[in-house]
Amino acid sequence: MTSIEKNKSASRLIIQSHIDKAFTEKHIQWNDGLNYTEFIRALWRLFLNHDSFKLGTQDILGKLSEEDAMQLLSDEIDITKLKAS
């Protein structure tokens, strides 16, 4: 595994953890009027600014570009789970 793949894998685990925690703590909410891209950006801002997520998010940004990190977030979020809640 290359260092880029290792960084993506480690970042993916952090993002999955952040998503699970945000969902459990009801920080994530979906409504049908949301634009998906704006939803991902808002969720990323939450991860950047909320004390519960800041440290892990800064770790991700030490490994990946913000664009790559948001792409991982988009890949990992289960929109069907959100719509069902």
N, C-alpha and C. Protein backbone atom coordinates (compact mmCIF):
# COMPACT_ATOMS: atom_id res chain seq x y z
N MET A 1 0.86 -1.18 0.00
CA MET A 1 0.00 0.00 0.00
C MET A 1 0.90 1.24 0.00
N THR A 2 0.62 2.17 -0.91
CA THR A 2 1.41 3.39 -0.98
C THR A 2 1.04 4.33 0.17
N SER A 3 1.85 5.34 0.38
CA SER A 3 1.55 6.28 1.46
C SER A 3 0.26 7.06 1.18
N ILE A 4 -0.02 7.33 -0.09
CA ILE A 4 -1.28 8.01 -0.44
C ILE A 4 -2.46 7.11 -0.08
N GLU A 5 -2.36 5.83 -0.40
CA GLU A 5 -3.44 4.90 -0.06
C GLU A 5 -3.60 4.77 1.45
N LYS A 6 -2.49 4.75 2.18
CA LYS A 6 -2.54 4.68 3.65
C LYS A 6 -3.21 5.93 4.21
N ASN A 7 -2.85 7.10 3.67
CA ASN A 7 -3.46 8.35 4.13
C ASN A 7 -4.96 8.37 3.86
N LYS A 8 -5.35 7.91 2.68
CA LYS A 8 -6.79 7.86 2.36
C LYS A 8 -7.52 6.88 3.26
N SER A 9 -6.90 5.73 3.50
CA SER A 9 -7.52 4.71 4.36
C SER A 9 -7.69 5.24 5.79
N ALA A 10 -6.65 5.86 6.33
CA ALA A 10 -6.72 6.41 7.69
C ALA A 10 -7.76 7.53 7.74
N SER A 11 -7.79 8.36 6.73
CA SER A 11 -8.75 9.46 6.69
C SER A 11 -10.17 8.94 6.56
N ARG A 12 -10.36 7.89 5.79
CA ARG A 12 -11.68 7.28 5.62
C ARG A 12 -12.23 6.80 6.97
N LEU A 13 -11.36 6.20 7.77
CA LEU A 13 -11.78 5.72 9.10
C LEU A 13 -12.21 6.88 9.99
N ILE A 14 -11.47 7.97 9.95
CA ILE A 14 -11.84 9.15 10.74
C ILE A 14 -13.18 9.71 10.26
N ILE A 15 -13.34 9.82 8.97
CA ILE A 15 -14.60 10.34 8.41
C ILE A 15 -15.77 9.44 8.78
N GLN A 16 -15.59 8.14 8.70
CA GLN A 16 -16.66 7.21 9.08
C GLN A 16 -17.03 7.41 10.55
N SER A 17 -16.03 7.57 11.39
CA SER A 17 -16.27 7.81 12.81
C SER A 17 -17.00 9.13 13.03
N HIS A 18 -16.57 10.16 12.34
CA HIS A 18 -17.24 11.46 12.44
C HIS A 18 -18.70 11.36 12.01
N ILE A 19 -18.95 10.69 10.89
CA ILE A 19 -20.33 10.55 10.40
C ILE A 19 -21.18 9.81 11.42
N ASP A 20 -20.67 8.71 11.94
CA ASP A 20 -21.43 7.93 12.93
C ASP A 20 -21.75 8.78 14.16
N LYS A 21 -20.74 9.50 14.65
CA LYS A 21 -20.95 10.34 15.84
C LYS A 21 -21.93 11.46 15.55
N ALA A 22 -21.78 12.13 14.42
CA ALA A 22 -22.66 13.23 14.06
C ALA A 22 -24.10 12.74 13.89
N PHE A 23 -24.26 11.56 13.32
CA PHE A 23 -25.60 11.00 13.14
C PHE A 23 -26.20 10.65 14.51
N THR A 24 -25.42 9.99 15.36
CA THR A 24 -25.90 9.60 16.70
C THR A 24 -26.27 10.82 17.53
N GLU A 25 -25.48 11.86 17.44
CA GLU A 25 -25.72 13.07 18.22
C GLU A 25 -26.68 14.05 17.53
N LYS A 26 -27.24 13.61 16.41
CA LYS A 26 -28.24 14.37 15.65
C LYS A 26 -27.72 15.71 15.13
N HIS A 27 -26.44 15.75 14.77
CA HIS A 27 -25.88 16.92 14.11
C HIS A 27 -26.20 16.91 12.62
N ILE A 28 -26.51 15.72 12.10
CA ILE A 28 -26.81 15.58 10.68
C ILE A 28 -28.32 15.48 10.51
N GLN A 29 -28.85 16.35 9.68
CA GLN A 29 -30.27 16.29 9.36
C GLN A 29 -30.44 16.50 7.86
N TRP A 30 -31.38 15.78 7.31
CA TRP A 30 -31.64 15.89 5.87
C TRP A 30 -33.07 16.34 5.67
N ASN A 31 -33.28 17.20 4.69
CA ASN A 31 -34.64 17.45 4.22
C ASN A 31 -34.57 17.49 2.70
N ASP A 32 -35.67 17.19 2.08
CA ASP A 32 -35.67 17.02 0.63
C ASP A 32 -35.37 18.29 -0.15
N GLY A 33 -35.37 19.44 0.51
CA GLY A 33 -35.04 20.67 -0.17
C GLY A 33 -33.54 20.96 -0.23
N LEU A 34 -32.74 20.11 0.43
CA LEU A 34 -31.30 20.35 0.46
C LEU A 34 -30.62 20.02 -0.86
N ASN A 35 -29.67 20.85 -1.21
CA ASN A 35 -28.78 20.58 -2.33
C ASN A 35 -27.66 19.70 -1.78
N TYR A 36 -27.41 18.56 -2.42
CA TYR A 36 -26.45 17.59 -1.89
C TYR A 36 -25.05 18.19 -1.71
N THR A 37 -24.59 18.96 -2.67
CA THR A 37 -23.26 19.55 -2.58
C THR A 37 -23.17 20.50 -1.39
N GLU A 38 -24.19 21.32 -1.20
CA GLU A 38 -24.20 22.23 -0.06
C GLU A 38 -24.29 21.46 1.25
N PHE A 39 -25.02 20.36 1.26
CA PHE A 39 -25.11 19.51 2.44
C PHE A 39 -23.73 18.99 2.82
N ILE A 40 -22.97 18.50 1.85
CA ILE A 40 -21.62 17.98 2.12
C ILE A 40 -20.72 19.11 2.63
N ARG A 41 -20.81 20.27 2.01
CA ARG A 41 -19.99 21.41 2.47
C ARG A 41 -20.34 21.82 3.89
N ALA A 42 -21.63 21.84 4.22
CA ALA A 42 -22.07 22.21 5.57
C ALA A 42 -21.59 21.17 6.58
N LEU A 43 -21.67 19.90 6.21
CA LEU A 43 -21.20 18.84 7.09
C LEU A 43 -19.70 18.95 7.30
N TRP A 44 -18.96 19.26 6.24
CA TRP A 44 -17.51 19.45 6.35
C TRP A 44 -17.20 20.63 7.28
N ARG A 45 -17.96 21.73 7.16
CA ARG A 45 -17.75 22.88 8.05
C ARG A 45 -18.01 22.49 9.50
N LEU A 46 -19.02 21.67 9.73
CA LEU A 46 -19.28 21.17 11.08
C LEU A 46 -18.05 20.42 11.60
N PHE A 47 -17.50 19.55 10.77
CA PHE A 47 -16.32 18.77 11.17
C PHE A 47 -15.11 19.67 11.42
N LEU A 48 -14.99 20.75 10.67
CA LEU A 48 -13.88 21.68 10.85
C LEU A 48 -14.01 22.51 12.13
N ASN A 49 -15.24 22.84 12.50
CA ASN A 49 -15.45 23.83 13.56
C ASN A 49 -15.94 23.30 14.89
N HIS A 50 -16.59 22.16 14.91
CA HIS A 50 -17.15 21.63 16.16
C HIS A 50 -16.05 20.95 16.96
N ASP A 51 -15.98 21.26 18.24
CA ASP A 51 -14.91 20.72 19.10
C ASP A 51 -14.82 19.20 19.08
N SER A 52 -15.93 18.52 18.91
CA SER A 52 -15.93 17.06 18.91
C SER A 52 -15.23 16.46 17.69
N PHE A 53 -15.11 17.25 16.62
CA PHE A 53 -14.60 16.73 15.36
C PHE A 53 -13.29 17.38 14.89
N LYS A 54 -12.95 18.53 15.48
CA LYS A 54 -11.82 19.34 15.00
C LYS A 54 -10.51 18.57 14.89
N LEU A 55 -10.15 17.88 15.95
CA LEU A 55 -8.84 17.22 15.99
C LEU A 55 -8.71 16.19 14.86
N GLY A 56 -9.71 15.35 14.71
CA GLY A 56 -9.68 14.34 13.64
C GLY A 56 -9.67 14.97 12.27
N THR A 57 -10.42 16.05 12.12
CA THR A 57 -10.48 16.73 10.83
C THR A 57 -9.14 17.37 10.49
N GLN A 58 -8.48 17.95 11.47
CA GLN A 58 -7.15 18.51 11.24
C GLN A 58 -6.16 17.41 10.85
N ASP A 59 -6.31 16.24 11.46
CA ASP A 59 -5.48 15.10 11.10
C ASP A 59 -5.69 14.73 9.62
N ILE A 60 -6.93 14.70 9.20
CA ILE A 60 -7.25 14.41 7.80
C ILE A 60 -6.58 15.44 6.88
N LEU A 61 -6.68 16.71 7.25
CA LEU A 61 -6.11 17.78 6.41
C LEU A 61 -4.59 17.74 6.38
N GLY A 62 -3.99 17.05 7.35
CA GLY A 62 -2.54 16.83 7.31
C GLY A 62 -2.16 15.74 6.33
N LYS A 63 -3.14 14.94 5.93
CA LYS A 63 -2.90 13.81 5.03
C LYS A 63 -3.41 14.05 3.61
N LEU A 64 -4.53 14.79 3.50
CA LEU A 64 -5.21 14.97 2.22
C LEU A 64 -5.54 16.44 1.98
N SER A 65 -5.79 16.77 0.75
CA SER A 65 -6.30 18.11 0.44
C SER A 65 -7.75 18.19 0.92
N GLU A 66 -8.23 19.40 1.11
CA GLU A 66 -9.61 19.57 1.53
C GLU A 66 -10.57 18.99 0.48
N GLU A 67 -10.25 19.17 -0.78
CA GLU A 67 -11.09 18.63 -1.85
C GLU A 67 -11.17 17.11 -1.77
N ASP A 68 -10.02 16.45 -1.57
CA ASP A 68 -10.01 14.98 -1.44
C ASP A 68 -10.78 14.54 -0.20
N ALA A 69 -10.64 15.29 0.88
CA ALA A 69 -11.34 14.95 2.12
C ALA A 69 -12.86 15.06 1.93
N MET A 70 -13.31 16.11 1.27
CA MET A 70 -14.74 16.25 1.03
C MET A 70 -15.26 15.18 0.07
N GLN A 71 -14.43 14.76 -0.86
CA GLN A 71 -14.82 13.67 -1.75
C GLN A 71 -15.00 12.38 -0.95
N LEU A 72 -14.07 12.12 -0.03
CA LEU A 72 -14.21 10.95 0.84
C LEU A 72 -15.49 11.04 1.67
N LEU A 73 -15.76 12.22 2.20
CA LEU A 73 -16.99 12.42 2.97
C LEU A 73 -18.21 12.11 2.12
N SER A 74 -18.22 12.61 0.92
CA SER A 74 -19.33 12.35 0.01
C SER A 74 -19.46 10.85 -0.30
N ASP A 75 -18.32 10.19 -0.45
CA ASP A 75 -18.33 8.75 -0.73
C ASP A 75 -18.86 7.95 0.45
N GLU A 76 -18.59 8.42 1.66
CA GLU A 76 -18.90 7.64 2.86
C GLU A 76 -20.29 7.89 3.44
N ILE A 77 -20.86 9.05 3.16
CA ILE A 77 -22.17 9.36 3.75
C ILE A 77 -23.24 8.49 3.09
N ASP A 78 -24.09 7.93 3.90
CA ASP A 78 -25.18 7.09 3.40
C ASP A 78 -26.45 7.92 3.40
N ILE A 79 -26.74 8.52 2.27
CA ILE A 79 -27.87 9.44 2.17
C ILE A 79 -29.20 8.72 2.42
N THR A 80 -29.27 7.44 2.09
CA THR A 80 -30.52 6.71 2.34
C THR A 80 -30.77 6.56 3.83
N LYS A 81 -29.71 6.42 4.62
CA LYS A 81 -29.85 6.35 6.08
C LYS A 81 -30.38 7.68 6.61
N LEU A 82 -29.87 8.78 6.06
CA LEU A 82 -30.32 10.09 6.50
C LEU A 82 -31.78 10.34 6.14
N LYS A 83 -32.16 9.96 4.94
CA LYS A 83 -33.53 10.19 4.51
C LYS A 83 -34.53 9.36 5.30
N ALA A 84 -34.07 8.23 5.84
CA ALA A 84 -34.94 7.36 6.61
C ALA A 84 -35.13 7.86 8.05
N SER A 85 -34.25 8.74 8.50
CA SER A 85 -34.32 9.18 9.89
C SER A 85 -35.32 10.30 10.09
